[in-house]
Amino acid sequence: SGPEVSRYVQEAFLGYRLGDGLWIDAGVFFAPFGQENWISRDNPVYTRSLIADNSPYYESGVRLSWQAASTLQLQAHVINGWQNISETNSDKALAFRADWSPTPRVTFIYDTFLGNEQPDSARARLRQFHEVAVKMTPTDRTTLWATFDYGRQPRPGATPRDRGDGSASWRGFAVLGRYALTPRLAFGGRVEGYSDPEQT
């Protein structure tokens, strides 16, 4: 696991079709969070936002994908953790994503992560992460994205009885736009904000 592996492996998984619109995959694959990934050329803007850099780009485990309707796609994941290829403890993490497209030009997205990222020798600290996003293509050349992230995790040493100040949280947003002049040339921009006062 780590940067030495990610230099050579971006995705490596096997999939099996269980039924119409239903797939199961196992291996290393891109995480279901956000609108940006670690391949810069595929992003709306060449550089990545702070919320993208502070949420997983990849994961390893098992993914179940279901095209529930022409406008709704669902995913459920059982994974090794927050940007982990190799396991770092005896716990597994869970992730979920839903994409709903009420029209061909608008997609609403919700995704979440739930898992303990502490080693087995330390007290478990359950990390919760939620993200909501919308993608719009008002014209064939114009695409707009807006994303909001919120995460929460108990502070070191916090006990299950702690309330209120027992957890630290972080949040961020990004609004991105892209206009394609030609199939090979486009302009993009981003407005963003990020707050993690305790560097969770």
C-alpha atoms as a PDB file:
ATOM      1  CA  SER A   1       0.000   0.000   0.000  1.00  0.00           C
ATOM      2  CA  GLY A   2       1.071   3.608  -0.368  1.00  0.00           C
ATOM      3  CA  PRO A   3       2.560   5.899  -3.026  1.00  0.00           C
ATOM      4  CA  GLU A   4       5.013   3.331  -4.379  1.00  0.00           C
ATOM      5  CA  VAL A   5       2.130   1.027  -5.331  1.00  0.00           C
ATOM      6  CA  SER A   6      -0.092   3.823  -6.670  1.00  0.00           C
ATOM      7  CA  ARG A   7       2.654   4.858  -9.104  1.00  0.00           C
ATOM      8  CA  TYR A   8       2.059   1.606 -10.989  1.00  0.00           C
ATOM      9  CA  VAL A   9      -1.515   0.526 -10.173  1.00  0.00           C
ATOM     10  CA  GLN A  10      -4.500   2.822 -10.708  1.00  0.00           C
ATOM     11  CA  GLU A  11      -7.221   0.187 -10.893  1.00  0.00           C
ATOM     12  CA  ALA A  12      -7.056  -3.621 -10.769  1.00  0.00           C
ATOM     13  CA  PHE A  13     -10.345  -5.427 -10.216  1.00  0.00           C
ATOM     14  CA  LEU A  14     -12.509  -8.264 -11.470  1.00  0.00           C
ATOM     15  CA  GLY A  15     -16.247  -7.983 -11.981  1.00  0.00           C
ATOM     16  CA  TYR A  16     -19.159 -10.364 -12.427  1.00  0.00           C
ATOM     17  CA  ARG A  17     -22.617  -9.563 -13.769  1.00  0.00           C
ATOM     18  CA  LEU A  18     -25.192 -10.875 -11.295  1.00  0.00           C
ATOM     19  CA  GLY A  19     -28.227  -9.785 -13.302  1.00  0.00           C
ATOM     20  CA  ASP A  20     -29.698  -6.956 -15.353  1.00  0.00           C
ATOM     21  CA  GLY A  21     -27.955  -3.788 -14.202  1.00  0.00           C
ATOM     22  CA  LEU A  22     -26.365  -5.568 -11.200  1.00  0.00           C
ATOM     23  CA  TRP A  23     -22.578  -6.029 -10.915  1.00  0.00           C
ATOM     24  CA  ILE A  24     -20.140  -7.092  -8.222  1.00  0.00           C
ATOM     25  CA  ASP A  25     -16.481  -6.047  -8.425  1.00  0.00           C
ATOM     26  CA  ALA A  26     -13.505  -6.912  -6.223  1.00  0.00           C
ATOM     27  CA  GLY A  27     -10.028  -5.410  -6.190  1.00  0.00           C
ATOM     28  CA  VAL A  28      -8.596  -1.878  -6.280  1.00  0.00           C
ATOM     29  CA  PHE A  29     -10.817   0.802  -7.819  1.00  0.00           C
ATOM     30  CA  PHE A  30     -11.537   4.529  -7.732  1.00  0.00           C
ATOM     31  CA  ALA A  31     -13.372   5.696  -4.620  1.00  0.00           C
ATOM     32  CA  PRO A  32     -17.039   6.717  -4.980  1.00  0.00           C
ATOM     33  CA  PHE A  33     -16.438  10.169  -3.475  1.00  0.00           C
ATOM     34  CA  GLY A  34     -16.400  13.489  -5.278  1.00  0.00           C
ATOM     35  CA  GLN A  35     -16.237  14.682  -8.850  1.00  0.00           C
ATOM     36  CA  GLU A  36     -12.447  14.630  -9.127  1.00  0.00           C
ATOM     37  CA  ASN A  37      -9.955  11.765  -9.226  1.00  0.00           C
ATOM     38  CA  TRP A  38      -6.177  11.480  -9.241  1.00  0.00           C
ATOM     39  CA  ILE A  39      -5.908  11.497 -13.064  1.00  0.00           C
ATOM     40  CA  SER A  40      -5.625  15.231 -13.722  1.00  0.00           C
ATOM     41  CA  ARG A  41      -6.627  15.142 -17.389  1.00  0.00           C
ATOM     42  CA  ASP A  42     -10.035  13.662 -16.473  1.00  0.00           C
ATOM     43  CA  ASN A  43     -10.916  16.415 -13.985  1.00  0.00           C
ATOM     44  CA  PRO A  44     -12.961  19.566 -14.682  1.00  0.00           C
ATOM     45  CA  VAL A  45      -9.897  21.644 -13.740  1.00  0.00           C
ATOM     46  CA  TYR A  46      -6.345  20.313 -14.071  1.00  0.00           C
ATOM     47  CA  THR A  47      -5.550  20.910 -10.399  1.00  0.00           C
ATOM     48  CA  ARG A  48      -7.662  19.271  -7.691  1.00  0.00           C
ATOM     49  CA  SER A  49      -9.707  20.937  -4.967  1.00  0.00           C
ATOM     50  CA  LEU A  50      -8.901  20.724  -1.247  1.00  0.00           C
ATOM     51  CA  ILE A  51     -11.943  18.552  -0.568  1.00  0.00           C
ATOM     52  CA  ALA A  52     -10.760  16.127  -3.264  1.00  0.00           C
ATOM     53  CA  ASP A  53      -7.262  15.950  -1.770  1.00  0.00           C
ATOM     54  CA  ASN A  54      -8.756  15.304   1.687  1.00  0.00           C
ATOM     55  CA  SER A  55     -11.053  12.449   0.692  1.00  0.00           C
ATOM     56  CA  PRO A  56     -10.058   9.071  -0.794  1.00  0.00           C
ATOM     57  CA  TYR A  57      -9.151   8.737  -4.471  1.00  0.00           C
ATOM     58  CA  TYR A  58      -8.994   4.937  -4.402  1.00  0.00           C
ATOM     59  CA  GLU A  59     -10.012   1.976  -2.265  1.00  0.00           C
ATOM     60  CA  SER A  60      -9.772  -1.792  -2.188  1.00  0.00           C
ATOM     61  CA  GLY A  61     -12.467  -4.300  -1.388  1.00  0.00           C
ATOM     62  CA  VAL A  62     -15.801  -5.318  -2.848  1.00  0.00           C
ATOM     63  CA  ARG A  63     -18.281  -3.087  -4.674  1.00  0.00           C
ATOM     64  CA  LEU A  64     -21.890  -3.852  -5.599  1.00  0.00           C
ATOM     65  CA  SER A  65     -23.363  -1.630  -8.344  1.00  0.00           C
ATOM     66  CA  TRP A  66     -27.034  -1.570  -9.307  1.00  0.00           C
ATOM     67  CA  GLN A  67     -28.683   0.404 -12.090  1.00  0.00           C
ATOM     68  CA  ALA A  68     -31.997   0.502 -10.240  1.00  0.00           C
ATOM     69  CA  ALA A  69     -33.688   2.600 -12.945  1.00  0.00           C
ATOM     70  CA  SER A  70     -32.646   4.621 -15.969  1.00  0.00           C
ATOM     71  CA  THR A  71     -32.362   7.654 -13.664  1.00  0.00           C
ATOM     72  CA  LEU A  72     -30.948   5.980 -10.521  1.00  0.00           C
ATOM     73  CA  GLN A  73     -27.660   4.191  -9.877  1.00  0.00           C
ATOM     74  CA  LEU A  74     -26.706   2.775  -6.445  1.00  0.00           C
ATOM     75  CA  GLN A  75     -23.402   1.468  -5.088  1.00  0.00           C
ATOM     76  CA  ALA A  76     -22.505  -0.291  -1.827  1.00  0.00           C
ATOM     77  CA  HIS A  77     -18.872  -0.935  -0.794  1.00  0.00           C
ATOM     78  CA  VAL A  78     -17.122  -3.073   1.814  1.00  0.00           C
ATOM     79  CA  ILE A  79     -13.533  -1.826   1.811  1.00  0.00           C
ATOM     80  CA  ASN A  80     -10.222  -1.878   3.666  1.00  0.00           C
ATOM     81  CA  GLY A  81     -10.571   1.740   4.696  1.00  0.00           C
ATOM     82  CA  TRP A  82      -9.872   5.373   3.907  1.00  0.00           C
ATOM     83  CA  GLN A  83      -7.530   5.285   0.900  1.00  0.00           C
ATOM     84  CA  ASN A  84      -6.067   1.904   1.877  1.00  0.00           C
ATOM     85  CA  ILE A  85      -5.054  -0.833  -0.512  1.00  0.00           C
ATOM     86  CA  SER A  86      -3.658  -3.089   2.227  1.00  0.00           C
ATOM     87  CA  GLU A  87      -5.628  -3.459   5.452  1.00  0.00           C
ATOM     88  CA  THR A  88      -4.344  -1.491   8.468  1.00  0.00           C
ATOM     89  CA  ASN A  89      -6.556  -3.066  11.154  1.00  0.00           C
ATOM     90  CA  SER A  90      -9.062  -5.888  11.627  1.00  0.00           C
ATOM     91  CA  ASP A  91     -12.072  -3.664  10.829  1.00  0.00           C
ATOM     92  CA  LYS A  92     -13.716  -3.121   7.459  1.00  0.00           C
ATOM     93  CA  ALA A  93     -15.263   0.144   6.312  1.00  0.00           C
ATOM     94  CA  LEU A  94     -18.533   0.762   4.519  1.00  0.00           C
ATOM     95  CA  ALA A  95     -19.319   3.220   1.744  1.00  0.00           C
ATOM     96  CA  PHE A  96     -22.465   4.024  -0.225  1.00  0.00           C
ATOM     97  CA  ARG A  97     -23.237   6.179  -3.263  1.00  0.00           C
ATOM     98  CA  ALA A  98     -26.464   7.161  -5.042  1.00  0.00           C
ATOM     99  CA  ASP A  99     -26.683   9.042  -8.358  1.00  0.00           C
ATOM    100  CA  TRP A 100     -30.097  10.358  -9.392  1.00  0.00           C
ATOM    101  CA  SER A 101     -30.617  12.068 -12.750  1.00  0.00           C
ATOM    102  CA  PRO A 102     -34.144  13.540 -12.937  1.00  0.00           C
ATOM    103  CA  THR A 103     -33.232  14.984 -16.346  1.00  0.00           C
ATOM    104  CA  PRO A 104     -30.383  14.141 -18.752  1.00  0.00           C
ATOM    105  CA  ARG A 105     -28.699  17.451 -17.849  1.00  0.00           C
ATOM    106  CA  VAL A 106     -28.886  17.290 -14.026  1.00  0.00           C
ATOM    107  CA  THR A 107     -27.488  14.665 -11.634  1.00  0.00           C
ATOM    108  CA  PHE A 108     -27.729  14.723  -7.833  1.00  0.00           C
ATOM    109  CA  ILE A 109     -25.178  12.671  -5.887  1.00  0.00           C
ATOM    110  CA  TYR A 110     -24.923  11.509  -2.289  1.00  0.00           C
ATOM    111  CA  ASP A 111     -22.088   9.397  -0.900  1.00  0.00           C
ATOM    112  CA  THR A 112     -20.948   8.392   2.572  1.00  0.00           C
ATOM    113  CA  PHE A 113     -18.153   6.558   4.394  1.00  0.00           C
ATOM    114  CA  LEU A 114     -18.227   4.852   7.792  1.00  0.00           C
ATOM    115  CA  GLY A 115     -15.168   3.173   9.260  1.00  0.00           C
ATOM    116  CA  ASN A 116     -12.521   2.959  11.960  1.00  0.00           C
ATOM    117  CA  GLU A 117      -9.080   3.999  10.736  1.00  0.00           C
ATOM    118  CA  GLN A 118      -7.131   3.355  13.943  1.00  0.00           C
ATOM    119  CA  PRO A 119      -4.713   0.424  14.381  1.00  0.00           C
ATOM    120  CA  ASP A 120      -5.940  -2.496  16.494  1.00  0.00           C
ATOM    121  CA  SER A 121      -3.641  -1.371  19.336  1.00  0.00           C
ATOM    122  CA  ALA A 122      -5.568   1.931  19.724  1.00  0.00           C
ATOM    123  CA  ARG A 123      -9.116   2.771  20.760  1.00  0.00           C
ATOM    124  CA  ALA A 124     -11.499   2.699  17.792  1.00  0.00           C
ATOM    125  CA  ARG A 125     -12.505   6.113  16.417  1.00  0.00           C
ATOM    126  CA  LEU A 126     -15.402   5.811  14.001  1.00  0.00           C
ATOM    127  CA  ARG A 127     -14.977   8.199  11.053  1.00  0.00           C
ATOM    128  CA  GLN A 128     -18.170   9.445   9.394  1.00  0.00           C
ATOM    129  CA  PHE A 129     -18.053  11.241   6.076  1.00  0.00           C
ATOM    130  CA  HIS A 130     -20.936  12.636   3.997  1.00  0.00           C
ATOM    131  CA  GLU A 131     -20.933  14.346   0.626  1.00  0.00           C
ATOM    132  CA  VAL A 132     -23.675  15.903  -1.485  1.00  0.00           C
ATOM    133  CA  ALA A 133     -23.112  17.142  -5.016  1.00  0.00           C
ATOM    134  CA  VAL A 134     -24.884  18.249  -8.154  1.00  0.00           C
ATOM    135  CA  LYS A 135     -23.661  18.176 -11.740  1.00  0.00           C
ATOM    136  CA  MET A 136     -25.367  20.249 -14.444  1.00  0.00           C
ATOM    137  CA  THR A 137     -24.786  20.563 -18.179  1.00  0.00           C
ATOM    138  CA  PRO A 138     -26.881  23.593 -19.184  1.00  0.00           C
ATOM    139  CA  THR A 139     -25.467  23.440 -22.731  1.00  0.00           C
ATOM    140  CA  ASP A 140     -23.488  20.905 -24.714  1.00  0.00           C
ATOM    141  CA  ARG A 141     -20.328  22.932 -24.058  1.00  0.00           C
ATOM    142  CA  THR A 142     -20.899  23.991 -20.446  1.00  0.00           C
ATOM    143  CA  THR A 143     -20.661  21.808 -17.311  1.00  0.00           C
ATOM    144  CA  LEU A 144     -21.082  22.948 -13.702  1.00  0.00           C
ATOM    145  CA  TRP A 145     -20.385  21.036 -10.481  1.00  0.00           C
ATOM    146  CA  ALA A 146     -21.077  21.905  -6.846  1.00  0.00           C
ATOM    147  CA  THR A 147     -19.951  19.699  -3.921  1.00  0.00           C
ATOM    148  CA  PHE A 148     -20.190  19.943  -0.123  1.00  0.00           C
ATOM    149  CA  ASP A 149     -18.313  17.598   2.264  1.00  0.00           C
ATOM    150  CA  TYR A 150     -18.743  17.037   5.991  1.00  0.00           C
ATOM    151  CA  GLY A 151     -16.727  14.655   8.160  1.00  0.00           C
ATOM    152  CA  ARG A 152     -16.656  13.812  11.857  1.00  0.00           C
ATOM    153  CA  GLN A 153     -14.432  11.652  14.047  1.00  0.00           C
ATOM    154  CA  PRO A 154     -13.926  11.268  17.835  1.00  0.00           C
ATOM    155  CA  ARG A 155     -10.924  13.077  19.225  1.00  0.00           C
ATOM    156  CA  PRO A 156      -8.002  10.966  20.480  1.00  0.00           C
ATOM    157  CA  GLY A 157      -8.824   9.736  23.961  1.00  0.00           C
ATOM    158  CA  ALA A 158     -12.562  10.406  23.640  1.00  0.00           C
ATOM    159  CA  THR A 159     -14.829   7.777  25.183  1.00  0.00           C
ATOM    160  CA  PRO A 160     -18.301   6.667  24.048  1.00  0.00           C
ATOM    161  CA  ARG A 161     -19.783   8.714  26.944  1.00  0.00           C
ATOM    162  CA  ASP A 162     -18.339  11.992  25.662  1.00  0.00           C
ATOM    163  CA  ARG A 163     -20.925  14.287  24.137  1.00  0.00           C
ATOM    164  CA  GLY A 164     -20.697  17.580  22.325  1.00  0.00           C
ATOM    165  CA  ASP A 165     -16.962  18.256  22.387  1.00  0.00           C
ATOM    166  CA  GLY A 166     -15.985  14.568  22.132  1.00  0.00           C
ATOM    167  CA  SER A 167     -15.654  14.745  18.332  1.00  0.00           C
ATOM    168  CA  ALA A 168     -13.839  16.917  15.820  1.00  0.00           C
ATOM    169  CA  SER A 169     -15.278  17.762  12.412  1.00  0.00           C
ATOM    170  CA  TRP A 170     -14.221  19.151   9.071  1.00  0.00           C
ATOM    171  CA  ARG A 171     -16.128  20.578   6.120  1.00  0.00           C
ATOM    172  CA  GLY A 172     -15.497  21.985   2.686  1.00  0.00           C
ATOM    173  CA  PHE A 173     -17.060  22.913  -0.626  1.00  0.00           C
ATOM    174  CA  ALA A 174     -16.084  23.327  -4.252  1.00  0.00           C
ATOM    175  CA  VAL A 175     -17.922  24.911  -7.187  1.00  0.00           C
ATOM    176  CA  LEU A 176     -16.408  24.141 -10.580  1.00  0.00           C
ATOM    177  CA  GLY A 177     -17.194  25.206 -14.116  1.00  0.00           C
ATOM    178  CA  ARG A 178     -15.894  24.118 -17.509  1.00  0.00           C
ATOM    179  CA  TYR A 179     -16.554  25.495 -20.979  1.00  0.00           C
ATOM    180  CA  ALA A 180     -15.379  23.560 -24.044  1.00  0.00           C
ATOM    181  CA  LEU A 181     -14.303  25.724 -26.966  1.00  0.00           C
ATOM    182  CA  THR A 182     -13.457  22.635 -29.034  1.00  0.00           C
ATOM    183  CA  PRO A 183     -13.277  18.886 -28.286  1.00  0.00           C
ATOM    184  CA  ARG A 184      -9.568  19.429 -27.419  1.00  0.00           C
ATOM    185  CA  LEU A 185      -9.638  22.870 -25.756  1.00  0.00           C
ATOM    186  CA  ALA A 186     -11.615  23.978 -22.693  1.00  0.00           C
ATOM    187  CA  PHE A 187     -11.516  26.604 -19.956  1.00  0.00           C
ATOM    188  CA  GLY A 188     -12.205  25.694 -16.337  1.00  0.00           C
ATOM    189  CA  GLY A 189     -12.333  27.403 -12.974  1.00  0.00           C
ATOM    190  CA  ARG A 190     -13.038  26.650  -9.339  1.00  0.00           C
ATOM    191  CA  VAL A 191     -14.166  28.425  -6.156  1.00  0.00           C
ATOM    192  CA  GLU A 192     -13.595  26.472  -2.953  1.00  0.00           C
ATOM    193  CA  GLY A 193     -13.355  26.574   0.803  1.00  0.00           C
ATOM    194  CA  TYR A 194     -12.102  24.135   3.445  1.00  0.00           C
ATOM    195  CA  SER A 195     -12.173  24.138   7.240  1.00  0.00           C
ATOM    196  CA  ASP A 196     -10.435  21.544   9.423  1.00  0.00           C
ATOM    197  CA  PRO A 197      -9.380  23.461  12.571  1.00  0.00           C
ATOM    198  CA  GLU A 198      -8.174  20.332  14.385  1.00  0.00           C
ATOM    199  CA  GLN A 199      -6.516  18.751  11.322  1.00  0.00           C
ATOM    200  CA  THR A 200      -8.688  15.680  11.649  1.00  0.00           C
END
